[in-house]
Amino acid sequence: MFEIEREIPLEHERNIFGSYDAYLKKIERCFGVYITERNGTVRISSEQETGVKKAAAVIDGLLQLSMSNGAVSEQQVDYTISLSMEGRGKEREIAEIDKDIICRTVSGRPVKPKTIGQKEYVDFIRNKMITFGTGPAGTGKTYLAMALAIKAFKDQEVQRIILTRPAIEAGEKLGFLPGDLQQKIDPYLRPLYDALYSIMGADSFIANQEKGLIEVAPLAYMRGRTLDNAFIILDEAQNTTPAQMKMFLTRIGFGSKVIITGDLTQKDLEKGQQSGLEVAMKVLRNIDDIGFAELTANDVVRHPLVQKIVMAYDAYEAKHNDRKYRK
């Protein structure tokens, strides 16, 4: 029988153990260990030494998080467990990541990276002129980019924010939608508006939009322009063609920062059409001042069920592609 002990201050026990010891039970199930607590001493035991060490690493990481933040969420517990199961040895880094507050929403909630992948993505945006952020739904690609754009705008590092995305998706045509051009376009840009309202507030956004300082427009509107002193976000870039992507990238002017986000598993282009995002990532891979952040299912920070859905689809597609390759 292998055993490891940890001293846990009383004020941090509830954060680490969870309501009705829910987090502790989850750690026990994941690593096949038995955990007991007595007078501030947590004892982790099992017949498997590896499980004991990994469970202890999770508790160490959660203690650091509780000491720095005063709270521990279920998402943070799940992510710390996943890091330990992968043997990455970065469980304690979660507490440091949690301190990196980008800005606060209008309701006062802090916007910050929550995973190592998200932290790398945020650091790329801060340090590179162009950043490609790819990954599945729920990894915070657009939301974190939006938060950094708004912070740069408020700090007067850029003069304006430009948000764009392809307007044609899933085989639909704008002409089929009712209303004038703006009303046709708005549904495609709604996710960008939602993020802006959450972080900046509707009144502030509308006031800056009327002044032309914040622009939300379809990608086609970028043609023929040179975009100086702007924070530019191209969202849903997997639905661009190579020609559209080249057009967009050659619009970038002095003093600008560009973020290009997309999910290569959710392309809505016509059959046989190559994605501009996929081509750009191959062509530009070795150019300095361009960062590539590739987020995974482990970086999903929505409801835990979303992460399971993403991982299930990844496994299904990998199996399907393997079977197709064998044929």
C-alpha atoms as a PDB file:
ATOM      1  CA  MET A   1       0.000   0.000   0.000  1.00  0.00           C
ATOM      2  CA  PHE A   2       1.388   3.406  -1.017  1.00  0.00           C
ATOM      3  CA  GLU A   3       0.533   6.519   0.945  1.00  0.00           C
ATOM      4  CA  ILE A   4       1.183  10.287   0.808  1.00  0.00           C
ATOM      5  CA  GLU A   5       0.147  12.898   3.362  1.00  0.00           C
ATOM      6  CA  ARG A   6      -0.583  16.583   2.834  1.00  0.00           C
ATOM      7  CA  GLU A   7      -1.230  19.313   5.419  1.00  0.00           C
ATOM      8  CA  ILE A   8      -4.250  21.390   4.352  1.00  0.00           C
ATOM      9  CA  PRO A   9      -5.086  24.576   6.308  1.00  0.00           C
ATOM     10  CA  LEU A  10      -8.662  24.469   7.591  1.00  0.00           C
ATOM     11  CA  GLU A  11      -9.713  27.600   5.683  1.00  0.00           C
ATOM     12  CA  HIS A  12      -8.827  25.926   2.363  1.00  0.00           C
ATOM     13  CA  GLU A  13     -10.382  22.517   2.992  1.00  0.00           C
ATOM     14  CA  ARG A  14     -13.861  23.419   1.718  1.00  0.00           C
ATOM     15  CA  ASN A  15     -12.440  24.919  -1.493  1.00  0.00           C
ATOM     16  CA  ILE A  16     -10.362  21.824  -2.222  1.00  0.00           C
ATOM     17  CA  PHE A  17     -12.870  19.198  -1.064  1.00  0.00           C
ATOM     18  CA  GLY A  18     -15.933  20.827  -2.674  1.00  0.00           C
ATOM     19  CA  SER A  19     -19.513  20.773  -1.437  1.00  0.00           C
ATOM     20  CA  TYR A  20     -20.202  17.433   0.282  1.00  0.00           C
ATOM     21  CA  ASP A  21     -16.632  16.390  -0.668  1.00  0.00           C
ATOM     22  CA  ALA A  22     -17.641  16.301  -4.349  1.00  0.00           C
ATOM     23  CA  TYR A  23     -14.168  17.282  -5.621  1.00  0.00           C
ATOM     24  CA  LEU A  24     -12.470  14.774  -3.340  1.00  0.00           C
ATOM     25  CA  LYS A  25     -14.719  11.974  -4.562  1.00  0.00           C
ATOM     26  CA  LYS A  26     -13.957  12.927  -8.161  1.00  0.00           C
ATOM     27  CA  ILE A  27     -10.202  12.732  -7.490  1.00  0.00           C
ATOM     28  CA  GLU A  28     -10.670   9.318  -5.859  1.00  0.00           C
ATOM     29  CA  ARG A  29     -12.592   7.989  -8.874  1.00  0.00           C
ATOM     30  CA  CYS A  30     -10.138   9.355 -11.437  1.00  0.00           C
ATOM     31  CA  PHE A  31      -6.975   7.986  -9.834  1.00  0.00           C
ATOM     32  CA  GLY A  32      -8.290   4.932  -7.995  1.00  0.00           C
ATOM     33  CA  VAL A  33      -7.201   6.205  -4.587  1.00  0.00           C
ATOM     34  CA  TYR A  34      -8.708   6.483  -1.119  1.00  0.00           C
ATOM     35  CA  ILE A  35      -8.551   9.909   0.566  1.00  0.00           C
ATOM     36  CA  THR A  36      -9.154  10.604   4.253  1.00  0.00           C
ATOM     37  CA  GLU A  37      -8.812  13.775   6.315  1.00  0.00           C
ATOM     38  CA  ARG A  38      -8.112  14.179  10.002  1.00  0.00           C
ATOM     39  CA  ASN A  39      -7.119  17.332  11.884  1.00  0.00           C
ATOM     40  CA  GLY A  40      -5.897  19.101   8.764  1.00  0.00           C
ATOM     41  CA  THR A  41      -3.932  16.112   7.451  1.00  0.00           C
ATOM     42  CA  VAL A  42      -5.066  14.596   4.166  1.00  0.00           C
ATOM     43  CA  ARG A  43      -3.950  11.026   3.574  1.00  0.00           C
ATOM     44  CA  ILE A  44      -3.967   9.616   0.026  1.00  0.00           C
ATOM     45  CA  SER A  45      -3.549   5.865  -0.304  1.00  0.00           C
ATOM     46  CA  SER A  46      -3.745   3.169  -2.965  1.00  0.00           C
ATOM     47  CA  GLU A  47      -2.046   0.009  -4.129  1.00  0.00           C
ATOM     48  CA  GLN A  48      -0.888   1.943  -7.187  1.00  0.00           C
ATOM     49  CA  GLU A  49       1.949   4.399  -6.488  1.00  0.00           C
ATOM     50  CA  THR A  50       1.330   6.360  -9.698  1.00  0.00           C
ATOM     51  CA  GLY A  51      -2.277   7.075  -8.748  1.00  0.00           C
ATOM     52  CA  VAL A  52      -1.255   8.319  -5.312  1.00  0.00           C
ATOM     53  CA  LYS A  53       1.374  10.675  -6.733  1.00  0.00           C
ATOM     54  CA  LYS A  54      -0.975  12.082  -9.360  1.00  0.00           C
ATOM     55  CA  ALA A  55      -3.797  12.608  -6.859  1.00  0.00           C
ATOM     56  CA  ALA A  56      -1.357  14.358  -4.511  1.00  0.00           C
ATOM     57  CA  ALA A  57      -0.237  16.613  -7.382  1.00  0.00           C
ATOM     58  CA  VAL A  58      -3.865  17.582  -8.011  1.00  0.00           C
ATOM     59  CA  ILE A  59      -4.420  18.457  -4.356  1.00  0.00           C
ATOM     60  CA  ASP A  60      -1.175  20.491  -4.332  1.00  0.00           C
ATOM     61  CA  GLY A  61      -2.371  22.401  -7.386  1.00  0.00           C
ATOM     62  CA  LEU A  62      -5.827  23.053  -5.927  1.00  0.00           C
ATOM     63  CA  LEU A  63      -4.267  24.263  -2.659  1.00  0.00           C
ATOM     64  CA  GLN A  64      -2.139  26.782  -4.572  1.00  0.00           C
ATOM     65  CA  LEU A  65      -5.246  27.912  -6.447  1.00  0.00           C
ATOM     66  CA  SER A  66      -7.273  28.284  -3.257  1.00  0.00           C
ATOM     67  CA  MET A  67      -4.481  30.251  -1.578  1.00  0.00           C
ATOM     68  CA  SER A  68      -4.181  32.676  -4.507  1.00  0.00           C
ATOM     69  CA  ASN A  69      -7.821  32.994  -5.495  1.00  0.00           C
ATOM     70  CA  GLY A  70      -9.848  32.074  -2.424  1.00  0.00           C
ATOM     71  CA  ALA A  71     -12.085  29.773  -4.472  1.00  0.00           C
ATOM     72  CA  VAL A  72     -11.902  26.692  -6.684  1.00  0.00           C
ATOM     73  CA  SER A  73     -14.387  25.945  -9.467  1.00  0.00           C
ATOM     74  CA  GLU A  74     -15.394  22.545 -10.815  1.00  0.00           C
ATOM     75  CA  GLN A  75     -13.873  23.465 -14.184  1.00  0.00           C
ATOM     76  CA  GLN A  76     -10.543  24.144 -12.485  1.00  0.00           C
ATOM     77  CA  VAL A  77     -10.731  20.807 -10.666  1.00  0.00           C
ATOM     78  CA  ASP A  78     -11.474  18.965 -13.920  1.00  0.00           C
ATOM     79  CA  TYR A  79      -8.652  20.727 -15.734  1.00  0.00           C
ATOM     80  CA  THR A  80      -6.123  20.089 -12.937  1.00  0.00           C
ATOM     81  CA  ILE A  81      -7.095  16.413 -12.952  1.00  0.00           C
ATOM     82  CA  SER A  82      -6.658  16.226 -16.737  1.00  0.00           C
ATOM     83  CA  LEU A  83      -3.172  17.776 -16.479  1.00  0.00           C
ATOM     84  CA  SER A  84      -2.145  15.267 -13.841  1.00  0.00           C
ATOM     85  CA  MET A  85      -3.562  12.326 -15.795  1.00  0.00           C
ATOM     86  CA  GLU A  86      -1.522  13.422 -18.824  1.00  0.00           C
ATOM     87  CA  GLY A  87       1.589  13.633 -16.639  1.00  0.00           C
ATOM     88  CA  ARG A  88       2.365  17.186 -17.742  1.00  0.00           C
ATOM     89  CA  GLY A  89       3.559  18.220 -14.276  1.00  0.00           C
ATOM     90  CA  LYS A  90       1.947  21.657 -14.573  1.00  0.00           C
ATOM     91  CA  GLU A  91      -0.784  21.372 -11.945  1.00  0.00           C
ATOM     92  CA  ARG A  92       0.630  24.235  -9.870  1.00  0.00           C
ATOM     93  CA  GLU A  93       0.640  26.595 -12.874  1.00  0.00           C
ATOM     94  CA  ILE A  94      -3.149  26.954 -12.701  1.00  0.00           C
ATOM     95  CA  ALA A  95      -2.815  29.332  -9.742  1.00  0.00           C
ATOM     96  CA  GLU A  96      -0.444  31.584 -11.713  1.00  0.00           C
ATOM     97  CA  ILE A  97      -2.712  31.550 -14.761  1.00  0.00           C
ATOM     98  CA  ASP A  98      -5.662  32.518 -12.577  1.00  0.00           C
ATOM     99  CA  LYS A  99      -3.909  35.751 -11.569  1.00  0.00           C
ATOM    100  CA  ASP A 100      -3.712  37.021 -15.164  1.00  0.00           C
ATOM    101  CA  ILE A 101      -6.819  39.228 -15.314  1.00  0.00           C
ATOM    102  CA  ILE A 102      -7.214  40.846 -18.742  1.00  0.00           C
ATOM    103  CA  CYS A 103     -10.162  43.084 -17.844  1.00  0.00           C
ATOM    104  CA  ARG A 104     -13.553  42.945 -16.157  1.00  0.00           C
ATOM    105  CA  THR A 105     -17.013  42.699 -17.675  1.00  0.00           C
ATOM    106  CA  VAL A 106     -19.656  45.359 -17.037  1.00  0.00           C
ATOM    107  CA  SER A 107     -20.938  43.172 -14.194  1.00  0.00           C
ATOM    108  CA  GLY A 108     -17.472  43.087 -12.606  1.00  0.00           C
ATOM    109  CA  ARG A 109     -16.606  39.497 -13.505  1.00  0.00           C
ATOM    110  CA  PRO A 110     -12.902  39.080 -14.316  1.00  0.00           C
ATOM    111  CA  VAL A 111     -11.956  37.924 -17.816  1.00  0.00           C
ATOM    112  CA  LYS A 112      -8.839  35.750 -17.695  1.00  0.00           C
ATOM    113  CA  PRO A 113      -7.300  32.639 -19.237  1.00  0.00           C
ATOM    114  CA  LYS A 114      -8.310  29.459 -17.444  1.00  0.00           C
ATOM    115  CA  THR A 115      -6.040  26.867 -19.033  1.00  0.00           C
ATOM    116  CA  ILE A 116      -2.392  26.636 -20.060  1.00  0.00           C
ATOM    117  CA  GLY A 117      -3.452  26.669 -23.718  1.00  0.00           C
ATOM    118  CA  GLN A 118      -5.498  29.833 -23.200  1.00  0.00           C
ATOM    119  CA  LYS A 119      -2.602  31.481 -21.361  1.00  0.00           C
ATOM    120  CA  GLU A 120      -0.262  30.729 -24.286  1.00  0.00           C
ATOM    121  CA  TYR A 121      -2.878  32.145 -26.665  1.00  0.00           C
ATOM    122  CA  VAL A 122      -3.189  35.370 -24.634  1.00  0.00           C
ATOM    123  CA  ASP A 123       0.617  35.726 -24.456  1.00  0.00           C
ATOM    124  CA  PHE A 124       0.883  35.303 -28.240  1.00  0.00           C
ATOM    125  CA  ILE A 125      -1.664  38.088 -28.744  1.00  0.00           C
ATOM    126  CA  ARG A 126       0.230  40.376 -26.402  1.00  0.00           C
ATOM    127  CA  ASN A 127       3.623  39.724 -27.966  1.00  0.00           C
ATOM    128  CA  LYS A 128       2.960  39.069 -31.663  1.00  0.00           C
ATOM    129  CA  MET A 129       1.594  41.317 -34.410  1.00  0.00           C
ATOM    130  CA  ILE A 130      -0.528  38.489 -35.874  1.00  0.00           C
ATOM    131  CA  THR A 131      -1.906  35.523 -33.925  1.00  0.00           C
ATOM    132  CA  PHE A 132      -3.752  32.502 -35.274  1.00  0.00           C
ATOM    133  CA  GLY A 133      -5.974  30.883 -32.652  1.00  0.00           C
ATOM    134  CA  THR A 134      -7.502  27.539 -33.635  1.00  0.00           C
ATOM    135  CA  GLY A 135      -9.477  25.039 -31.622  1.00  0.00           C
ATOM    136  CA  PRO A 136     -12.945  23.634 -30.896  1.00  0.00           C
ATOM    137  CA  ALA A 137     -15.983  25.522 -29.641  1.00  0.00           C
ATOM    138  CA  GLY A 138     -15.794  26.737 -26.060  1.00  0.00           C
ATOM    139  CA  THR A 139     -12.034  27.325 -25.898  1.00  0.00           C
ATOM    140  CA  GLY A 140     -12.455  31.110 -25.586  1.00  0.00           C
ATOM    141  CA  LYS A 141     -10.776  32.017 -28.879  1.00  0.00           C
ATOM    142  CA  THR A 142     -13.084  34.912 -29.733  1.00  0.00           C
ATOM    143  CA  TYR A 143     -13.955  36.034 -26.209  1.00  0.00           C
ATOM    144  CA  LEU A 144     -10.355  36.360 -25.014  1.00  0.00           C
ATOM    145  CA  ALA A 145      -9.350  38.142 -28.226  1.00  0.00           C
ATOM    146  CA  MET A 146     -12.270  40.540 -27.736  1.00  0.00           C
ATOM    147  CA  ALA A 147     -11.255  41.237 -24.134  1.00  0.00           C
ATOM    148  CA  LEU A 148      -7.686  42.056 -25.201  1.00  0.00           C
ATOM    149  CA  ALA A 149      -8.989  44.268 -28.013  1.00  0.00           C
ATOM    150  CA  ILE A 150     -11.204  46.257 -25.652  1.00  0.00           C
ATOM    151  CA  LYS A 151      -8.374  46.636 -23.130  1.00  0.00           C
ATOM    152  CA  ALA A 152      -5.995  47.892 -25.848  1.00  0.00           C
ATOM    153  CA  PHE A 153      -8.680  50.328 -27.029  1.00  0.00           C
ATOM    154  CA  LYS A 154      -9.357  51.664 -23.531  1.00  0.00           C
ATOM    155  CA  ASP A 155      -5.612  51.991 -22.876  1.00  0.00           C
ATOM    156  CA  GLN A 156      -5.333  53.952 -26.172  1.00  0.00           C
ATOM    157  CA  GLU A 157      -2.858  51.458 -27.607  1.00  0.00           C
ATOM    158  CA  VAL A 158      -5.043  51.376 -30.752  1.00  0.00           C
ATOM    159  CA  GLN A 159      -7.465  53.928 -32.160  1.00  0.00           C
ATOM    160  CA  ARG A 160     -10.213  51.510 -33.130  1.00  0.00           C
ATOM    161  CA  ILE A 161     -11.458  47.924 -33.066  1.00  0.00           C
ATOM    162  CA  ILE A 162     -12.461  46.107 -36.234  1.00  0.00           C
ATOM    163  CA  LEU A 163     -14.327  42.799 -35.970  1.00  0.00           C
ATOM    164  CA  THR A 164     -15.083  40.757 -39.048  1.00  0.00           C
ATOM    165  CA  ARG A 165     -16.110  37.291 -40.158  1.00  0.00           C
ATOM    166  CA  PRO A 166     -17.278  35.591 -43.371  1.00  0.00           C
ATOM    167  CA  ALA A 167     -20.975  36.326 -43.901  1.00  0.00           C
ATOM    168  CA  ILE A 168     -21.860  33.170 -45.840  1.00  0.00           C
ATOM    169  CA  GLU A 169     -22.057  29.978 -43.776  1.00  0.00           C
ATOM    170  CA  ALA A 170     -23.563  26.506 -44.011  1.00  0.00           C
ATOM    171  CA  GLY A 171     -24.543  26.994 -47.652  1.00  0.00           C
ATOM    172  CA  GLU A 172     -26.916  29.888 -46.856  1.00  0.00           C
ATOM    173  CA  LYS A 173     -27.155  33.057 -48.950  1.00  0.00           C
ATOM    174  CA  LEU A 174     -27.721  36.530 -47.555  1.00  0.00           C
ATOM    175  CA  GLY A 175     -30.347  37.251 -50.191  1.00  0.00           C
ATOM    176  CA  PHE A 176     -32.657  34.652 -48.652  1.00  0.00           C
ATOM    177  CA  LEU A 177     -32.857  36.606 -45.381  1.00  0.00           C
ATOM    178  CA  PRO A 178     -35.453  39.376 -44.858  1.00  0.00           C
ATOM    179  CA  GLY A 179     -34.573  43.047 -44.323  1.00  0.00           C
ATOM    180  CA  ASP A 180     -31.955  45.483 -45.562  1.00  0.00           C
ATOM    181  CA  LEU A 181     -28.238  44.706 -45.843  1.00  0.00           C
ATOM    182  CA  GLN A 182     -27.479  45.465 -42.171  1.00  0.00           C
ATOM    183  CA  GLN A 183     -30.353  43.254 -41.014  1.00  0.00           C
ATOM    184  CA  LYS A 184     -29.127  40.455 -43.302  1.00  0.00           C
ATOM    185  CA  ILE A 185     -25.590  40.692 -41.916  1.00  0.00           C
ATOM    186  CA  ASP A 186     -26.364  41.058 -38.190  1.00  0.00           C
ATOM    187  CA  PRO A 187     -27.287  37.386 -37.506  1.00  0.00           C
ATOM    188  CA  TYR A 188     -23.843  36.281 -38.740  1.00  0.00           C
ATOM    189  CA  LEU A 189     -22.116  38.825 -36.496  1.00  0.00           C
ATOM    190  CA  ARG A 190     -24.278  38.212 -33.417  1.00  0.00           C
ATOM    191  CA  PRO A 191     -21.588  36.260 -31.481  1.00  0.00           C
ATOM    192  CA  LEU A 192     -19.267  39.260 -31.808  1.00  0.00           C
ATOM    193  CA  TYR A 193     -21.973  41.631 -30.571  1.00  0.00           C
ATOM    194  CA  ASP A 194     -22.699  39.330 -27.619  1.00  0.00           C
ATOM    195  CA  ALA A 195     -19.056  39.404 -26.508  1.00  0.00           C
ATOM    196  CA  LEU A 196     -18.870  43.188 -26.916  1.00  0.00           C
ATOM    197  CA  TYR A 197     -22.024  43.758 -24.871  1.00  0.00           C
ATOM    198  CA  SER A 198     -20.763  41.450 -22.109  1.00  0.00           C
ATOM    199  CA  ILE A 199     -17.343  43.060 -21.762  1.00  0.00           C
ATOM    200  CA  MET A 200     -17.943  46.680 -22.791  1.00  0.00           C
ATOM    201  CA  GLY A 201     -21.636  47.189 -22.183  1.00  0.00           C
ATOM    202  CA  ALA A 202     -24.280  47.981 -24.804  1.00  0.00           C
ATOM    203  CA  ASP A 203     -24.289  51.774 -24.261  1.00  0.00           C
ATOM    204  CA  SER A 204     -20.513  52.112 -24.508  1.00  0.00           C
ATOM    205  CA  PHE A 205     -20.406  49.891 -27.585  1.00  0.00           C
ATOM    206  CA  ILE A 206     -23.173  51.803 -29.387  1.00  0.00           C
ATOM    207  CA  ALA A 207     -21.540  55.176 -28.583  1.00  0.00           C
ATOM    208  CA  ASN A 208     -18.156  54.063 -29.933  1.00  0.00           C
ATOM    209  CA  GLN A 209     -19.728  52.364 -32.927  1.00  0.00           C
ATOM    210  CA  GLU A 210     -21.533  55.587 -33.872  1.00  0.00           C
ATOM    211  CA  LYS A 211     -18.198  57.408 -33.740  1.00  0.00           C
ATOM    212  CA  GLY A 212     -16.703  54.803 -36.075  1.00  0.00           C
ATOM    213  CA  LEU A 213     -14.252  53.638 -33.406  1.00  0.00           C
ATOM    214  CA  ILE A 214     -15.686  50.114 -33.268  1.00  0.00           C
ATOM    215  CA  GLU A 215     -16.654  48.445 -36.523  1.00  0.00           C
ATOM    216  CA  VAL A 216     -18.383  45.091 -36.913  1.00  0.00           C
ATOM    217  CA  ALA A 217     -18.562  44.104 -40.574  1.00  0.00           C
ATOM    218  CA  PRO A 218     -18.487  41.112 -42.932  1.00  0.00           C
ATOM    219  CA  LEU A 219     -15.138  40.161 -44.422  1.00  0.00           C
ATOM    220  CA  ALA A 220     -16.074  41.437 -47.883  1.00  0.00           C
ATOM    221  CA  TYR A 221     -16.016  44.999 -46.499  1.00  0.00           C
ATOM    222  CA  MET A 222     -12.260  44.736 -45.876  1.00  0.00           C
ATOM    223  CA  ARG A 223     -11.351  44.717 -49.578  1.00  0.00           C
ATOM    224  CA  GLY A 224      -9.478  47.801 -50.778  1.00  0.00           C
ATOM    225  CA  ARG A 225      -8.783  49.144 -47.280  1.00  0.00           C
ATOM    226  CA  THR A 226      -5.589  49.679 -45.293  1.00  0.00           C
ATOM    227  CA  LEU A 227      -6.150  49.196 -41.571  1.00  0.00           C
ATOM    228  CA  ASP A 228      -3.745  51.282 -39.450  1.00  0.00           C
ATOM    229  CA  ASN A 229      -3.658  51.630 -35.648  1.00  0.00           C
ATOM    230  CA  ALA A 230      -6.408  49.062 -35.171  1.00  0.00           C
ATOM    231  CA  PHE A 231      -7.039  45.858 -33.255  1.00  0.00           C
ATOM    232  CA  ILE A 232      -8.514  43.550 -35.885  1.00  0.00           C
ATOM    233  CA  ILE A 233     -10.225  40.215 -35.199  1.00  0.00           C
ATOM    234  CA  LEU A 234     -11.186  37.821 -37.992  1.00  0.00           C
ATOM    235  CA  ASP A 235     -13.572  35.256 -36.516  1.00  0.00           C
ATOM    236  CA  GLU A 236     -14.720  31.932 -38.065  1.00  0.00           C
ATOM    237  CA  ALA A 237     -11.710  32.094 -40.391  1.00  0.00           C
ATOM    238  CA  GLN A 238     -12.089  28.416 -41.337  1.00  0.00           C
ATOM    239  CA  ASN A 239     -14.858  29.604 -43.669  1.00  0.00           C
ATOM    240  CA  THR A 240     -12.608  31.916 -45.692  1.00  0.00           C
ATOM    241  CA  THR A 241     -11.201  30.943 -49.073  1.00  0.00           C
ATOM    242  CA  PRO A 242      -7.423  31.230 -49.657  1.00  0.00           C
ATOM    243  CA  ALA A 243      -8.066  34.356 -51.765  1.00  0.00           C
ATOM    244  CA  GLN A 244     -10.145  35.975 -49.010  1.00  0.00           C
ATOM    245  CA  MET A 245      -7.505  35.203 -46.389  1.00  0.00           C
ATOM    246  CA  LYS A 246      -4.727  36.675 -48.539  1.00  0.00           C
ATOM    247  CA  MET A 247      -6.857  39.769 -49.150  1.00  0.00           C
ATOM    248  CA  PHE A 248      -7.454  40.186 -45.421  1.00  0.00           C
ATOM    249  CA  LEU A 249      -3.816  39.706 -44.395  1.00  0.00           C
ATOM    250  CA  THR A 250      -2.625  42.277 -46.925  1.00  0.00           C
ATOM    251  CA  ARG A 251      -4.955  44.930 -45.433  1.00  0.00           C
ATOM    252  CA  ILE A 252      -2.870  45.188 -42.250  1.00  0.00           C
ATOM    253  CA  GLY A 253      -1.258  48.575 -41.707  1.00  0.00           C
ATOM    254  CA  PHE A 254       1.134  50.176 -39.212  1.00  0.00           C
ATOM    255  CA  GLY A 255       0.364  49.999 -35.500  1.00  0.00           C
ATOM    256  CA  SER A 256      -2.204  47.227 -35.917  1.00  0.00           C
ATOM    257  CA  LYS A 257      -2.615  43.891 -34.183  1.00  0.00           C
ATOM    258  CA  VAL A 258      -4.477  41.023 -35.814  1.00  0.00           C
ATOM    259  CA  ILE A 259      -6.151  37.951 -34.331  1.00  0.00           C
ATOM    260  CA  ILE A 260      -7.462  35.209 -36.621  1.00  0.00           C
ATOM    261  CA  THR A 261      -9.646  32.553 -35.002  1.00  0.00           C
ATOM    262  CA  GLY A 262     -11.283  29.425 -36.336  1.00  0.00           C
ATOM    263  CA  ASP A 263     -12.185  25.786 -35.857  1.00  0.00           C
ATOM    264  CA  LEU A 264     -10.877  23.616 -38.686  1.00  0.00           C
ATOM    265  CA  THR A 265     -13.323  20.833 -37.767  1.00  0.00           C
ATOM    266  CA  GLN A 266     -16.355  23.031 -38.535  1.00  0.00           C
ATOM    267  CA  LYS A 267     -15.769  24.235 -42.079  1.00  0.00           C
ATOM    268  CA  ASP A 268     -18.922  25.257 -43.970  1.00  0.00           C
ATOM    269  CA  LEU A 269     -17.258  25.825 -47.341  1.00  0.00           C
ATOM    270  CA  GLU A 270     -18.497  24.109 -50.473  1.00  0.00           C
ATOM    271  CA  LYS A 271     -17.306  20.553 -50.980  1.00  0.00           C
ATOM    272  CA  GLY A 272     -13.758  20.486 -52.315  1.00  0.00           C
ATOM    273  CA  GLN A 273     -13.080  24.136 -51.399  1.00  0.00           C
ATOM    274  CA  GLN A 274      -9.853  24.586 -49.433  1.00  0.00           C
ATOM    275  CA  SER A 275      -9.954  26.678 -46.267  1.00  0.00           C
ATOM    276  CA  GLY A 276      -8.002  29.935 -46.298  1.00  0.00           C
ATOM    277  CA  LEU A 277      -7.182  29.409 -42.635  1.00  0.00           C
ATOM    278  CA  GLU A 278      -5.629  26.006 -43.314  1.00  0.00           C
ATOM    279  CA  VAL A 279      -3.524  27.363 -46.181  1.00  0.00           C
ATOM    280  CA  ALA A 280      -2.381  30.443 -44.239  1.00  0.00           C
ATOM    281  CA  MET A 281      -1.215  28.343 -41.293  1.00  0.00           C
ATOM    282  CA  LYS A 282       0.980  26.290 -43.630  1.00  0.00           C
ATOM    283  CA  VAL A 283       2.319  29.235 -45.649  1.00  0.00           C
ATOM    284  CA  LEU A 284       3.064  31.569 -42.722  1.00  0.00           C
ATOM    285  CA  ARG A 285       4.267  29.056 -40.132  1.00  0.00           C
ATOM    286  CA  ASN A 286       7.916  30.163 -40.170  1.00  0.00           C
ATOM    287  CA  ILE A 287       7.443  33.939 -40.290  1.00  0.00           C
ATOM    288  CA  ASP A 288       8.583  35.908 -37.239  1.00  0.00           C
ATOM    289  CA  ASP A 289       6.027  37.968 -35.327  1.00  0.00           C
ATOM    290  CA  ILE A 290       3.240  35.530 -36.201  1.00  0.00           C
ATOM    291  CA  GLY A 291       2.029  33.278 -33.385  1.00  0.00           C
ATOM    292  CA  PHE A 292       0.096  30.018 -33.669  1.00  0.00           C
ATOM    293  CA  ALA A 293      -1.982  28.935 -30.676  1.00  0.00           C
ATOM    294  CA  GLU A 294      -3.606  25.544 -31.181  1.00  0.00           C
ATOM    295  CA  LEU A 295      -6.208  24.959 -28.472  1.00  0.00           C
ATOM    296  CA  THR A 296      -7.662  21.513 -27.774  1.00  0.00           C
ATOM    297  CA  ALA A 297     -10.615  19.899 -26.014  1.00  0.00           C
ATOM    298  CA  ASN A 298      -8.678  20.300 -22.751  1.00  0.00           C
ATOM    299  CA  ASP A 299      -9.039  24.083 -23.154  1.00  0.00           C
ATOM    300  CA  VAL A 300     -12.840  24.006 -23.345  1.00  0.00           C
ATOM    301  CA  VAL A 301     -14.173  26.143 -20.490  1.00  0.00           C
ATOM    302  CA  ARG A 302     -17.909  25.841 -21.062  1.00  0.00           C
ATOM    303  CA  HIS A 303     -20.084  23.303 -19.276  1.00  0.00           C
ATOM    304  CA  PRO A 304     -18.114  20.062 -18.650  1.00  0.00           C
ATOM    305  CA  LEU A 305     -20.546  18.287 -20.991  1.00  0.00           C
ATOM    306  CA  VAL A 306     -19.290  20.433 -23.902  1.00  0.00           C
ATOM    307  CA  GLN A 307     -15.767  19.108 -23.354  1.00  0.00           C
ATOM    308  CA  LYS A 308     -17.072  15.538 -23.399  1.00  0.00           C
ATOM    309  CA  ILE A 309     -19.002  16.247 -26.629  1.00  0.00           C
ATOM    310  CA  VAL A 310     -15.893  17.705 -28.311  1.00  0.00           C
ATOM    311  CA  MET A 311     -13.752  14.744 -27.230  1.00  0.00           C
ATOM    312  CA  ALA A 312     -16.415  12.254 -28.390  1.00  0.00           C
ATOM    313  CA  TYR A 313     -16.547  13.883 -31.833  1.00  0.00           C
ATOM    314  CA  ASP A 314     -12.730  13.949 -32.025  1.00  0.00           C
ATOM    315  CA  ALA A 315     -12.586  10.227 -31.255  1.00  0.00           C
ATOM    316  CA  TYR A 316     -15.349   9.445 -33.773  1.00  0.00           C
ATOM    317  CA  GLU A 317     -13.711  11.493 -36.545  1.00  0.00           C
ATOM    318  CA  ALA A 318     -10.275   9.987 -35.859  1.00  0.00           C
ATOM    319  CA  LYS A 319     -11.764   6.492 -36.088  1.00  0.00           C
ATOM    320  CA  HIS A 320     -13.675   7.385 -39.263  1.00  0.00           C
ATOM    321  CA  ASN A 321     -10.588   8.898 -40.913  1.00  0.00           C
ATOM    322  CA  ASP A 322      -8.489   5.883 -39.954  1.00  0.00           C
ATOM    323  CA  ARG A 323     -11.043   3.537 -41.512  1.00  0.00           C
ATOM    324  CA  LYS A 324     -11.181   5.721 -44.640  1.00  0.00           C
ATOM    325  CA  TYR A 325      -7.379   5.709 -44.880  1.00  0.00           C
ATOM    326  CA  ARG A 326      -7.223   1.912 -44.657  1.00  0.00           C
ATOM    327  CA  LYS A 327      -9.625   1.598 -47.588  1.00  0.00           C
END
